[in-house]
Amino acid sequence: MKKVEAIVRHHKLEEVRDALVGKGCSGMTVTEVQGFGRQKGRSEMYRGSEYTVEFIPKVKVEVVVPDSSVSAVVAAIVAAAKTGQVGDGKIFVSDMAQVIRVRTGETDEAAL
């Protein structure tokens, strides 16, 4: 099993969710996050004054999928989240040692 974490733009969340549901993801966790990458923030104007926003608001979507689904899930996220502009986000894939469903005690892929 793998955990796929995607940092995406807020307005792309629904498209990413729909793409993941289309690939068979039965659940996901969504968190509002802030950060910066290569762009190091952005400048904005407010009442005639320029100021720098150092941490850009984004959304983190987390799903745990069987190893066989990872490439399809990653491709679906990329297709749904891509705008072609700087700041589209990142995807991280990591190994999951164990998953346990609290209510039933099911483990690993049965718990997904």
PDB file of N, CA and C in Angstrom:
ATOM      1  N   MET A   1       0.833  -1.182   0.000  1.00  0.00           N
ATOM      2  CA  MET A   1       0.000   0.000   0.000  1.00  0.00           C
ATOM      3  C   MET A   1       0.874   1.240   0.000  1.00  0.00           C
ATOM      4  N   LYS A   2       0.339   2.288  -0.599  1.00  0.00           N
ATOM      5  CA  LYS A   2       1.051   3.553  -0.681  1.00  0.00           C
ATOM      6  C   LYS A   2       0.131   4.681  -0.229  1.00  0.00           C
ATOM      7  N   LYS A   3       0.737   5.690   0.367  1.00  0.00           N
ATOM      8  CA  LYS A   3       0.019   6.912   0.705  1.00  0.00           C
ATOM      9  C   LYS A   3       0.399   7.953  -0.338  1.00  0.00           C
ATOM     10  N   VAL A   4      -0.598   8.537  -0.977  1.00  0.00           N
ATOM     11  CA  VAL A   4      -0.383   9.571  -1.982  1.00  0.00           C
ATOM     12  C   VAL A   4      -0.874  10.883  -1.387  1.00  0.00           C
ATOM     13  N   GLU A   5       0.038  11.847  -1.275  1.00  0.00           N
ATOM     14  CA  GLU A   5      -0.293  13.172  -0.763  1.00  0.00           C
ATOM     15  C   GLU A   5      -0.123  14.165  -1.903  1.00  0.00           C
ATOM     16  N   ALA A   6      -1.155  14.925  -2.174  1.00  0.00           N
ATOM     17  CA  ALA A   6      -1.104  15.912  -3.253  1.00  0.00           C
ATOM     18  C   ALA A   6      -1.397  17.291  -2.683  1.00  0.00           C
ATOM     19  N   ILE A   7      -0.511  18.236  -2.980  1.00  0.00           N
ATOM     20  CA  ILE A   7      -0.720  19.634  -2.615  1.00  0.00           C
ATOM     21  C   ILE A   7      -1.204  20.329  -3.883  1.00  0.00           C
ATOM     22  N   VAL A   8      -2.428  20.861  -3.855  1.00  0.00           N
ATOM     23  CA  VAL A   8      -3.029  21.441  -5.061  1.00  0.00           C
ATOM     24  C   VAL A   8      -3.677  22.792  -4.741  1.00  0.00           C
ATOM     25  N   ARG A   9      -4.051  23.492  -5.791  1.00  0.00           N
ATOM     26  CA  ARG A   9      -4.748  24.771  -5.644  1.00  0.00           C
ATOM     27  C   ARG A   9      -6.176  24.529  -5.141  1.00  0.00           C
ATOM     28  N   HIS A  10      -6.695  25.500  -4.374  1.00  0.00           N
ATOM     29  CA  HIS A  10      -8.047  25.374  -3.835  1.00  0.00           C
ATOM     30  C   HIS A  10      -9.097  25.133  -4.922  1.00  0.00           C
ATOM     31  N   HIS A  11      -9.029  25.888  -6.002  1.00  0.00           N
ATOM     32  CA  HIS A  11     -10.080  25.792  -7.014  1.00  0.00           C
ATOM     33  C   HIS A  11     -10.008  24.498  -7.821  1.00  0.00           C
ATOM     34  N   LYS A  12      -8.973  23.691  -7.626  1.00  0.00           N
ATOM     35  CA  LYS A  12      -8.851  22.410  -8.314  1.00  0.00           C
ATOM     36  C   LYS A  12      -9.311  21.234  -7.450  1.00  0.00           C
ATOM     37  N   LEU A  13      -9.714  21.500  -6.219  1.00  0.00           N
ATOM     38  CA  LEU A  13     -10.065  20.422  -5.292  1.00  0.00           C
ATOM     39  C   LEU A  13     -11.200  19.549  -5.804  1.00  0.00           C
ATOM     40  N   GLU A  14     -12.270  20.136  -6.296  1.00  0.00           N
ATOM     41  CA  GLU A  14     -13.404  19.335  -6.765  1.00  0.00           C
ATOM     42  C   GLU A  14     -13.014  18.453  -7.951  1.00  0.00           C
ATOM     43  N   GLU A  15     -12.204  18.980  -8.863  1.00  0.00           N
ATOM     44  CA  GLU A  15     -11.760  18.187 -10.007  1.00  0.00           C
ATOM     45  C   GLU A  15     -10.885  17.020  -9.554  1.00  0.00           C
ATOM     46  N   VAL A  16     -10.012  17.280  -8.577  1.00  0.00           N
ATOM     47  CA  VAL A  16      -9.149  16.216  -8.041  1.00  0.00           C
ATOM     48  C   VAL A  16     -10.000  15.161  -7.328  1.00  0.00           C
ATOM     49  N   ARG A  17     -10.966  15.613  -6.524  1.00  0.00           N
ATOM     50  CA  ARG A  17     -11.849  14.669  -5.823  1.00  0.00           C
ATOM     51  C   ARG A  17     -12.600  13.796  -6.815  1.00  0.00           C
ATOM     52  N   ASP A  18     -13.167  14.401  -7.841  1.00  0.00           N
ATOM     53  CA  ASP A  18     -13.911  13.635  -8.848  1.00  0.00           C
ATOM     54  C   ASP A  18     -13.005  12.631  -9.557  1.00  0.00           C
ATOM     55  N   ALA A  19     -11.777  13.049  -9.860  1.00  0.00           N
ATOM     56  CA  ALA A  19     -10.832  12.147 -10.534  1.00  0.00           C
ATOM     57  C   ALA A  19     -10.475  10.971  -9.636  1.00  0.00           C
ATOM     58  N   LEU A  20     -10.287  11.216  -8.348  1.00  0.00           N
ATOM     59  CA  LEU A  20      -9.945  10.138  -7.416  1.00  0.00           C
ATOM     60  C   LEU A  20     -11.110   9.176  -7.223  1.00  0.00           C
ATOM     61  N   VAL A  21     -12.309   9.710  -7.104  1.00  0.00           N
ATOM     62  CA  VAL A  21     -13.486   8.844  -6.992  1.00  0.00           C
ATOM     63  C   VAL A  21     -13.625   8.004  -8.256  1.00  0.00           C
ATOM     64  N   GLY A  22     -13.344   8.587  -9.402  1.00  0.00           N
ATOM     65  CA  GLY A  22     -13.386   7.855 -10.663  1.00  0.00           C
ATOM     66  C   GLY A  22     -12.368   6.734 -10.745  1.00  0.00           C
ATOM     67  N   LYS A  23     -11.284   6.842  -9.997  1.00  0.00           N
ATOM     68  CA  LYS A  23     -10.254   5.797  -9.959  1.00  0.00           C
ATOM     69  C   LYS A  23     -10.497   4.792  -8.837  1.00  0.00           C
ATOM     70  N   GLY A  24     -11.627   4.909  -8.141  1.00  0.00           N
ATOM     71  CA  GLY A  24     -11.983   3.924  -7.130  1.00  0.00           C
ATOM     72  C   GLY A  24     -11.555   4.249  -5.708  1.00  0.00           C
ATOM     73  N   CYS A  25     -11.082   5.453  -5.448  1.00  0.00           N
ATOM     74  CA  CYS A  25     -10.716   5.825  -4.075  1.00  0.00           C
ATOM     75  C   CYS A  25     -11.992   5.965  -3.260  1.00  0.00           C
ATOM     76  N   SER A  26     -12.083   5.215  -2.181  1.00  0.00           N
ATOM     77  CA  SER A  26     -13.298   5.227  -1.385  1.00  0.00           C
ATOM     78  C   SER A  26     -13.264   6.245  -0.261  1.00  0.00           C
ATOM     79  N   GLY A  27     -12.129   6.857  -0.021  1.00  0.00           N
ATOM     80  CA  GLY A  27     -12.027   7.867   1.020  1.00  0.00           C
ATOM     81  C   GLY A  27     -10.781   8.700   0.834  1.00  0.00           C
ATOM     82  N   MET A  28     -10.807   9.874   1.415  1.00  0.00           N
ATOM     83  CA  MET A  28      -9.646  10.754   1.338  1.00  0.00           C
ATOM     84  C   MET A  28      -9.709  11.741   2.486  1.00  0.00           C
ATOM     85  N   THR A  29      -8.571  12.318   2.789  1.00  0.00           N
ATOM     86  CA  THR A  29      -8.479  13.358   3.800  1.00  0.00           C
ATOM     87  C   THR A  29      -8.040  14.636   3.112  1.00  0.00           C
ATOM     88  N   VAL A  30      -8.718  15.747   3.416  1.00  0.00           N
ATOM     89  CA  VAL A  30      -8.393  17.040   2.828  1.00  0.00           C
ATOM     90  C   VAL A  30      -8.072  18.013   3.954  1.00  0.00           C
ATOM     91  N   THR A  31      -6.936  18.696   3.814  1.00  0.00           N
ATOM     92  CA  THR A  31      -6.473  19.637   4.829  1.00  0.00           C
ATOM     93  C   THR A  31      -6.082  20.936   4.152  1.00  0.00           C
ATOM     94  N   GLU A  32      -6.443  22.065   4.767  1.00  0.00           N
ATOM     95  CA  GLU A  32      -5.974  23.356   4.263  1.00  0.00           C
ATOM     96  C   GLU A  32      -4.571  23.576   4.800  1.00  0.00           C
ATOM     97  N   VAL A  33      -3.636  23.902   3.899  1.00  0.00           N
ATOM     98  CA  VAL A  33      -2.236  24.081   4.278  1.00  0.00           C
ATOM     99  C   VAL A  33      -1.710  25.386   3.681  1.00  0.00           C
ATOM    100  N   GLN A  34      -0.536  25.807   4.142  1.00  0.00           N
ATOM    101  CA  GLN A  34       0.144  26.974   3.597  1.00  0.00           C
ATOM    102  C   GLN A  34       1.596  26.629   3.386  1.00  0.00           C
ATOM    103  N   GLY A  35       2.208  27.229   2.385  1.00  0.00           N
ATOM    104  CA  GLY A  35       3.618  26.987   2.153  1.00  0.00           C
ATOM    105  C   GLY A  35       4.103  27.739   0.940  1.00  0.00           C
ATOM    106  N   PHE A  36       5.321  27.446   0.548  1.00  0.00           N
ATOM    107  CA  PHE A  36       5.851  28.032  -0.671  1.00  0.00           C
ATOM    108  C   PHE A  36       6.845  27.075  -1.280  1.00  0.00           C
ATOM    109  N   GLY A  37       7.034  27.222  -2.561  1.00  0.00           N
ATOM    110  CA  GLY A  37       8.001  26.426  -3.302  1.00  0.00           C
ATOM    111  C   GLY A  37       8.990  27.348  -3.961  1.00  0.00           C
ATOM    112  N   ARG A  38       9.256  27.098  -5.198  1.00  0.00           N
ATOM    113  CA  ARG A  38      10.231  27.909  -5.930  1.00  0.00           C
ATOM    114  C   ARG A  38       9.811  29.363  -6.082  1.00  0.00           C
ATOM    115  N   GLN A  39       8.492  29.621  -6.097  1.00  0.00           N
ATOM    116  CA  GLN A  39       8.056  30.991  -6.311  1.00  0.00           C
ATOM    117  C   GLN A  39       8.288  31.890  -5.101  1.00  0.00           C
ATOM    118  N   LYS A  40       8.534  31.324  -3.922  1.00  0.00           N
ATOM    119  CA  LYS A  40       8.836  32.087  -2.700  1.00  0.00           C
ATOM    120  C   LYS A  40       7.771  33.137  -2.379  1.00  0.00           C
ATOM    121  N   GLY A  41       6.520  32.803  -2.525  1.00  0.00           N
ATOM    122  CA  GLY A  41       5.445  33.740  -2.220  1.00  0.00           C
ATOM    123  C   GLY A  41       5.091  34.590  -3.430  1.00  0.00           C
ATOM    124  N   ARG A  42       4.263  35.606  -3.193  1.00  0.00           N
ATOM    125  CA  ARG A  42       3.858  36.494  -4.280  1.00  0.00           C
ATOM    126  C   ARG A  42       3.572  37.883  -3.715  1.00  0.00           C
ATOM    127  N   SER A  43       3.638  38.881  -4.579  1.00  0.00           N
ATOM    128  CA  SER A  43       3.337  40.259  -4.188  1.00  0.00           C
ATOM    129  C   SER A  43       1.895  40.578  -4.548  1.00  0.00           C
ATOM    130  N   GLU A  44       1.220  41.302  -3.657  1.00  0.00           N
ATOM    131  CA  GLU A  44      -0.153  41.721  -3.900  1.00  0.00           C
ATOM    132  C   GLU A  44      -0.299  43.183  -3.512  1.00  0.00           C
ATOM    133  N   MET A  45      -1.351  43.814  -4.018  1.00  0.00           N
ATOM    134  CA  MET A  45      -1.639  45.206  -3.695  1.00  0.00           C
ATOM    135  C   MET A  45      -2.876  45.256  -2.817  1.00  0.00           C
ATOM    136  N   TYR A  46      -2.830  46.094  -1.770  1.00  0.00           N
ATOM    137  CA  TYR A  46      -3.989  46.312  -0.914  1.00  0.00           C
ATOM    138  C   TYR A  46      -4.045  47.793  -0.584  1.00  0.00           C
ATOM    139  N   ARG A  47      -5.098  48.456  -1.007  1.00  0.00           N
ATOM    140  CA  ARG A  47      -5.285  49.893  -0.790  1.00  0.00           C
ATOM    141  C   ARG A  47      -4.061  50.703  -1.214  1.00  0.00           C
ATOM    142  N   GLY A  48      -3.516  50.355  -2.359  1.00  0.00           N
ATOM    143  CA  GLY A  48      -2.401  51.090  -2.910  1.00  0.00           C
ATOM    144  C   GLY A  48      -1.040  50.725  -2.378  1.00  0.00           C
ATOM    145  N   SER A  49      -0.979  49.828  -1.405  1.00  0.00           N
ATOM    146  CA  SER A  49       0.307  49.407  -0.848  1.00  0.00           C
ATOM    147  C   SER A  49       0.616  47.990  -1.295  1.00  0.00           C
ATOM    148  N   GLU A  50       1.864  47.773  -1.670  1.00  0.00           N
ATOM    149  CA  GLU A  50       2.287  46.445  -2.071  1.00  0.00           C
ATOM    150  C   GLU A  50       2.811  45.694  -0.857  1.00  0.00           C
ATOM    151  N   TYR A  51       2.417  44.448  -0.737  1.00  0.00           N
ATOM    152  CA  TYR A  51       2.926  43.600   0.329  1.00  0.00           C
ATOM    153  C   TYR A  51       3.166  42.201  -0.212  1.00  0.00           C
ATOM    154  N   THR A  52       3.985  41.435   0.492  1.00  0.00           N
ATOM    155  CA  THR A  52       4.357  40.102   0.044  1.00  0.00           C
ATOM    156  C   THR A  52       3.633  39.048   0.877  1.00  0.00           C
ATOM    157  N   VAL A  53       3.000  38.118   0.196  1.00  0.00           N
ATOM    158  CA  VAL A  53       2.386  36.958   0.840  1.00  0.00           C
ATOM    159  C   VAL A  53       3.426  35.856   0.756  1.00  0.00           C
ATOM    160  N   GLU A  54       4.023  35.502   1.891  1.00  0.00           N
ATOM    161  CA  GLU A  54       5.116  34.527   1.878  1.00  0.00           C
ATOM    162  C   GLU A  54       4.631  33.083   1.842  1.00  0.00           C
ATOM    163  N   PHE A  55       3.502  32.804   2.464  1.00  0.00           N
ATOM    164  CA  PHE A  55       2.960  31.448   2.475  1.00  0.00           C
ATOM    165  C   PHE A  55       1.677  31.431   1.658  1.00  0.00           C
ATOM    166  N   ILE A  56       1.676  30.625   0.610  1.00  0.00           N
ATOM    167  CA  ILE A  56       0.541  30.530  -0.304  1.00  0.00           C
ATOM    168  C   ILE A  56      -0.428  29.474   0.219  1.00  0.00           C
ATOM    169  N   PRO A  57      -1.727  29.794   0.324  1.00  0.00           N
ATOM    170  CA  PRO A  57      -2.691  28.784   0.770  1.00  0.00           C
ATOM    171  C   PRO A  57      -2.923  27.728  -0.309  1.00  0.00           C
ATOM    172  N   LYS A  58      -2.930  26.477   0.101  1.00  0.00           N
ATOM    173  CA  LYS A  58      -3.177  25.341  -0.789  1.00  0.00           C
ATOM    174  C   LYS A  58      -4.048  24.325  -0.056  1.00  0.00           C
ATOM    175  N   VAL A  59      -4.342  23.235  -0.714  1.00  0.00           N
ATOM    176  CA  VAL A  59      -5.106  22.134  -0.130  1.00  0.00           C
ATOM    177  C   VAL A  59      -4.269  20.870  -0.263  1.00  0.00           C
ATOM    178  N   LYS A  60      -4.207  20.084   0.825  1.00  0.00           N
ATOM    179  CA  LYS A  60      -3.513  18.795   0.764  1.00  0.00           C
ATOM    180  C   LYS A  60      -4.559  17.690   0.764  1.00  0.00           C
ATOM    181  N   VAL A  61      -4.479  16.823  -0.248  1.00  0.00           N
ATOM    182  CA  VAL A  61      -5.379  15.681  -0.376  1.00  0.00           C
ATOM    183  C   VAL A  61      -4.545  14.427  -0.125  1.00  0.00           C
ATOM    184  N   GLU A  62      -5.003  13.578   0.795  1.00  0.00           N
ATOM    185  CA  GLU A  62      -4.290  12.346   1.141  1.00  0.00           C
ATOM    186  C   GLU A  62      -5.192  11.149   0.872  1.00  0.00           C
ATOM    187  N   VAL A  63      -4.634  10.156   0.168  1.00  0.00           N
ATOM    188  CA  VAL A  63      -5.338   8.887  -0.057  1.00  0.00           C
ATOM    189  C   VAL A  63      -4.354   7.749   0.132  1.00  0.00           C
ATOM    190  N   VAL A  64      -4.854   6.623   0.591  1.00  0.00           N
ATOM    191  CA  VAL A  64      -4.045   5.408   0.687  1.00  0.00           C
ATOM    192  C   VAL A  64      -4.642   4.414  -0.297  1.00  0.00           C
ATOM    193  N   VAL A  65      -3.772   3.880  -1.167  1.00  0.00           N
ATOM    194  CA  VAL A  65      -4.244   3.008  -2.250  1.00  0.00           C
ATOM    195  C   VAL A  65      -3.368   1.763  -2.330  1.00  0.00           C
ATOM    196  N   PRO A  66      -3.893   0.688  -2.923  1.00  0.00           N
ATOM    197  CA  PRO A  66      -3.053  -0.492  -3.159  1.00  0.00           C
ATOM    198  C   PRO A  66      -1.922  -0.145  -4.130  1.00  0.00           C
ATOM    199  N   ASP A  67      -0.822  -0.877  -4.034  1.00  0.00           N
ATOM    200  CA  ASP A  67       0.330  -0.627  -4.911  1.00  0.00           C
ATOM    201  C   ASP A  67      -0.055  -0.615  -6.386  1.00  0.00           C
ATOM    202  N   SER A  68      -0.985  -1.467  -6.770  1.00  0.00           N
ATOM    203  CA  SER A  68      -1.364  -1.577  -8.177  1.00  0.00           C
ATOM    204  C   SER A  68      -2.087  -0.336  -8.709  1.00  0.00           C
ATOM    205  N   SER A  69      -2.609   0.510  -7.826  1.00  0.00           N
ATOM    206  CA  SER A  69      -3.377   1.685  -8.245  1.00  0.00           C
ATOM    207  C   SER A  69      -2.578   2.978  -8.243  1.00  0.00           C
ATOM    208  N   VAL A  70      -1.354   2.955  -7.751  1.00  0.00           N
ATOM    209  CA  VAL A  70      -0.605   4.193  -7.535  1.00  0.00           C
ATOM    210  C   VAL A  70      -0.424   5.002  -8.813  1.00  0.00           C
ATOM    211  N   SER A  71       0.035   4.379  -9.878  1.00  0.00           N
ATOM    212  CA  SER A  71       0.314   5.145 -11.103  1.00  0.00           C
ATOM    213  C   SER A  71      -0.960   5.748 -11.687  1.00  0.00           C
ATOM    214  N   ALA A  72      -2.065   5.034 -11.637  1.00  0.00           N
ATOM    215  CA  ALA A  72      -3.331   5.564 -12.155  1.00  0.00           C
ATOM    216  C   ALA A  72      -3.830   6.725 -11.304  1.00  0.00           C
ATOM    217  N   VAL A  73      -3.675   6.613  -9.983  1.00  0.00           N
ATOM    218  CA  VAL A  73      -4.109   7.675  -9.078  1.00  0.00           C
ATOM    219  C   VAL A  73      -3.259   8.928  -9.272  1.00  0.00           C
ATOM    220  N   VAL A  74      -1.955   8.757  -9.366  1.00  0.00           N
ATOM    221  CA  VAL A  74      -1.060   9.901  -9.580  1.00  0.00           C
ATOM    222  C   VAL A  74      -1.373  10.571 -10.919  1.00  0.00           C
ATOM    223  N   ALA A  75      -1.573   9.800 -11.964  1.00  0.00           N
ATOM    224  CA  ALA A  75      -1.903  10.363 -13.280  1.00  0.00           C
ATOM    225  C   ALA A  75      -3.227  11.127 -13.237  1.00  0.00           C
ATOM    226  N   ALA A  76      -4.196  10.610 -12.503  1.00  0.00           N
ATOM    227  CA  ALA A  76      -5.491  11.278 -12.388  1.00  0.00           C
ATOM    228  C   ALA A  76      -5.359  12.607 -11.657  1.00  0.00           C
ATOM    229  N   ILE A  77      -4.552  12.645 -10.602  1.00  0.00           N
ATOM    230  CA  ILE A  77      -4.341  13.890  -9.860  1.00  0.00           C
ATOM    231  C   ILE A  77      -3.648  14.922 -10.744  1.00  0.00           C
ATOM    232  N   VAL A  78      -2.604  14.505 -11.445  1.00  0.00           N
ATOM    233  CA  VAL A  78      -1.878  15.425 -12.324  1.00  0.00           C
ATOM    234  C   VAL A  78      -2.815  16.005 -13.383  1.00  0.00           C
ATOM    235  N   ALA A  79      -3.606  15.154 -14.001  1.00  0.00           N
ATOM    236  CA  ALA A  79      -4.518  15.623 -15.053  1.00  0.00           C
ATOM    237  C   ALA A  79      -5.555  16.598 -14.502  1.00  0.00           C
ATOM    238  N   ALA A  80      -6.049  16.344 -13.301  1.00  0.00           N
ATOM    239  CA  ALA A  80      -7.092  17.194 -12.723  1.00  0.00           C
ATOM    240  C   ALA A  80      -6.546  18.494 -12.148  1.00  0.00           C
ATOM    241  N   ALA A  81      -5.324  18.481 -11.623  1.00  0.00           N
ATOM    242  CA  ALA A  81      -4.795  19.645 -10.907  1.00  0.00           C
ATOM    243  C   ALA A  81      -3.952  20.579 -11.761  1.00  0.00           C
ATOM    244  N   LYS A  82      -3.541  20.137 -12.924  1.00  0.00           N
ATOM    245  CA  LYS A  82      -2.594  20.913 -13.732  1.00  0.00           C
ATOM    246  C   LYS A  82      -3.253  22.113 -14.404  1.00  0.00           C
ATOM    247  N   THR A  83      -2.624  23.291 -14.230  1.00  0.00           N
ATOM    248  CA  THR A  83      -3.038  24.495 -14.944  1.00  0.00           C
ATOM    249  C   THR A  83      -1.941  24.957 -15.890  1.00  0.00           C
ATOM    250  N   GLY A  84      -0.718  24.472 -15.680  1.00  0.00           N
ATOM    251  CA  GLY A  84       0.414  24.897 -16.483  1.00  0.00           C
ATOM    252  C   GLY A  84       1.130  26.115 -15.929  1.00  0.00           C
ATOM    253  N   GLN A  85       0.647  26.633 -14.810  1.00  0.00           N
ATOM    254  CA  GLN A  85       1.238  27.811 -14.187  1.00  0.00           C
ATOM    255  C   GLN A  85       2.119  27.397 -13.007  1.00  0.00           C
ATOM    256  N   VAL A  86       3.033  28.283 -12.633  1.00  0.00           N
ATOM    257  CA  VAL A  86       3.859  28.042 -11.445  1.00  0.00           C
ATOM    258  C   VAL A  86       2.939  27.932 -10.236  1.00  0.00           C
ATOM    259  N   GLY A  87       3.192  26.962  -9.370  1.00  0.00           N
ATOM    260  CA  GLY A  87       2.385  26.802  -8.163  1.00  0.00           C
ATOM    261  C   GLY A  87       1.272  25.784  -8.274  1.00  0.00           C
ATOM    262  N   ASP A  88       1.326  24.918  -9.295  1.00  0.00           N
ATOM    263  CA  ASP A  88       0.300  23.884  -9.439  1.00  0.00           C
ATOM    264  C   ASP A  88       0.331  22.872  -8.305  1.00  0.00           C
ATOM    265  N   GLY A  89       1.475  22.686  -7.655  1.00  0.00           N
ATOM    266  CA  GLY A  89       1.535  21.799  -6.505  1.00  0.00           C
ATOM    267  C   GLY A  89       2.549  20.685  -6.649  1.00  0.00           C
ATOM    268  N   LYS A  90       2.459  19.728  -5.736  1.00  0.00           N
ATOM    269  CA  LYS A  90       3.369  18.583  -5.690  1.00  0.00           C
ATOM    270  C   LYS A  90       2.574  17.351  -5.292  1.00  0.00           C
ATOM    271  N   ILE A  91       3.142  16.183  -5.634  1.00  0.00           N
ATOM    272  CA  ILE A  91       2.580  14.903  -5.220  1.00  0.00           C
ATOM    273  C   ILE A  91       3.696  14.105  -4.568  1.00  0.00           C
ATOM    274  N   PHE A  92       3.409  13.554  -3.400  1.00  0.00           N
ATOM    275  CA  PHE A  92       4.364  12.726  -2.671  1.00  0.00           C
ATOM    276  C   PHE A  92       3.767  11.329  -2.518  1.00  0.00           C
ATOM    277  N   VAL A  93       4.567  10.308  -2.762  1.00  0.00           N
ATOM    278  CA  VAL A  93       4.125   8.920  -2.609  1.00  0.00           C
ATOM    279  C   VAL A  93       5.044   8.254  -1.595  1.00  0.00           C
ATOM    280  N   SER A  94       4.455   7.628  -0.570  1.00  0.00           N
ATOM    281  CA  SER A  94       5.261   6.959   0.451  1.00  0.00           C
ATOM    282  C   SER A  94       4.642   5.608   0.806  1.00  0.00           C
ATOM    283  N   ASP A  95       5.466   4.723   1.354  1.00  0.00           N
ATOM    284  CA  ASP A  95       5.009   3.391   1.750  1.00  0.00           C
ATOM    285  C   ASP A  95       4.184   3.467   3.030  1.00  0.00           C
ATOM    286  N   MET A  96       3.186   2.605   3.108  1.00  0.00           N
ATOM    287  CA  MET A  96       2.376   2.465   4.328  1.00  0.00           C
ATOM    288  C   MET A  96       2.696   1.105   4.928  1.00  0.00           C
ATOM    289  N   ALA A  97       3.158   1.097   6.153  1.00  0.00           N
ATOM    290  CA  ALA A  97       3.497  -0.160   6.808  1.00  0.00           C
ATOM    291  C   ALA A  97       2.252  -0.932   7.215  1.00  0.00           C
ATOM    292  N   GLN A  98       1.245  -0.214   7.708  1.00  0.00           N
ATOM    293  CA  GLN A  98       0.040  -0.896   8.172  1.00  0.00           C
ATOM    294  C   GLN A  98      -1.117   0.088   8.218  1.00  0.00           C
ATOM    295  N   VAL A  99      -2.299  -0.406   7.901  1.00  0.00           N
ATOM    296  CA  VAL A  99      -3.528   0.379   8.007  1.00  0.00           C
ATOM    297  C   VAL A  99      -4.514  -0.443   8.825  1.00  0.00           C
ATOM    298  N   ILE A 100      -5.199   0.207   9.756  1.00  0.00           N
ATOM    299  CA  ILE A 100      -6.174  -0.483  10.609  1.00  0.00           C
ATOM    300  C   ILE A 100      -7.460   0.327  10.640  1.00  0.00           C
ATOM    301  N   ARG A 101      -8.585  -0.316  10.348  1.00  0.00           N
ATOM    302  CA  ARG A 101      -9.892   0.336  10.495  1.00  0.00           C
ATOM    303  C   ARG A 101     -10.300   0.191  11.953  1.00  0.00           C
ATOM    304  N   VAL A 102     -10.478   1.282  12.633  1.00  0.00           N
ATOM    305  CA  VAL A 102     -10.739   1.275  14.072  1.00  0.00           C
ATOM    306  C   VAL A 102     -12.038   0.554  14.402  1.00  0.00           C
ATOM    307  N   ARG A 103     -13.107   0.820  13.671  1.00  0.00           N
ATOM    308  CA  ARG A 103     -14.415   0.262  13.988  1.00  0.00           C
ATOM    309  C   ARG A 103     -14.434  -1.264  13.933  1.00  0.00           C
ATOM    310  N   THR A 104     -13.820  -1.869  12.888  1.00  0.00           N
ATOM    311  CA  THR A 104     -13.933  -3.312  12.693  1.00  0.00           C
ATOM    312  C   THR A 104     -12.657  -4.090  13.009  1.00  0.00           C
ATOM    313  N   GLY A 105     -11.536  -3.376  13.098  1.00  0.00           N
ATOM    314  CA  GLY A 105     -10.271  -4.067  13.323  1.00  0.00           C
ATOM    315  C   GLY A 105      -9.652  -4.624  12.048  1.00  0.00           C
ATOM    316  N   GLU A 106     -10.279  -4.384  10.895  1.00  0.00           N
ATOM    317  CA  GLU A 106      -9.700  -4.846   9.624  1.00  0.00           C
ATOM    318  C   GLU A 106      -8.334  -4.209   9.428  1.00  0.00           C
ATOM    319  N   THR A 107      -7.465  -4.924   8.742  1.00  0.00           N
ATOM    320  CA  THR A 107      -6.117  -4.410   8.537  1.00  0.00           C
ATOM    321  C   THR A 107      -5.762  -4.364   7.062  1.00  0.00           C
ATOM    322  N   ASP A 108      -4.762  -3.546   6.757  1.00  0.00           N
ATOM    323  CA  ASP A 108      -4.162  -3.391   5.437  1.00  0.00           C
ATOM    324  C   ASP A 108      -5.209  -3.123   4.351  1.00  0.00           C
ATOM    325  N   GLU A 109      -5.153  -3.783   3.202  1.00  0.00           N
ATOM    326  CA  GLU A 109      -6.044  -3.449   2.093  1.00  0.00           C
ATOM    327  C   GLU A 109      -7.519  -3.650   2.436  1.00  0.00           C
ATOM    328  N   ALA A 110      -7.839  -4.547   3.327  1.00  0.00           N
ATOM    329  CA  ALA A 110      -9.226  -4.738   3.751  1.00  0.00           C
ATOM    330  C   ALA A 110      -9.751  -3.505   4.496  1.00  0.00           C
ATOM    331  N   ALA A 111      -8.841  -2.732   5.082  1.00  0.00           N
ATOM    332  CA  ALA A 111      -9.227  -1.526   5.834  1.00  0.00           C
ATOM    333  C   ALA A 111      -9.438  -0.319   4.943  1.00  0.00           C
ATOM    334  N   LEU A 112      -9.015  -0.416   3.681  1.00  0.00           N
ATOM    335  CA  LEU A 112      -9.192   0.718   2.786  1.00  0.00           C
ATOM    336  C   LEU A 112     -10.636   0.834   2.376  1.00  0.00           C
TER     337      LEU A 112
END
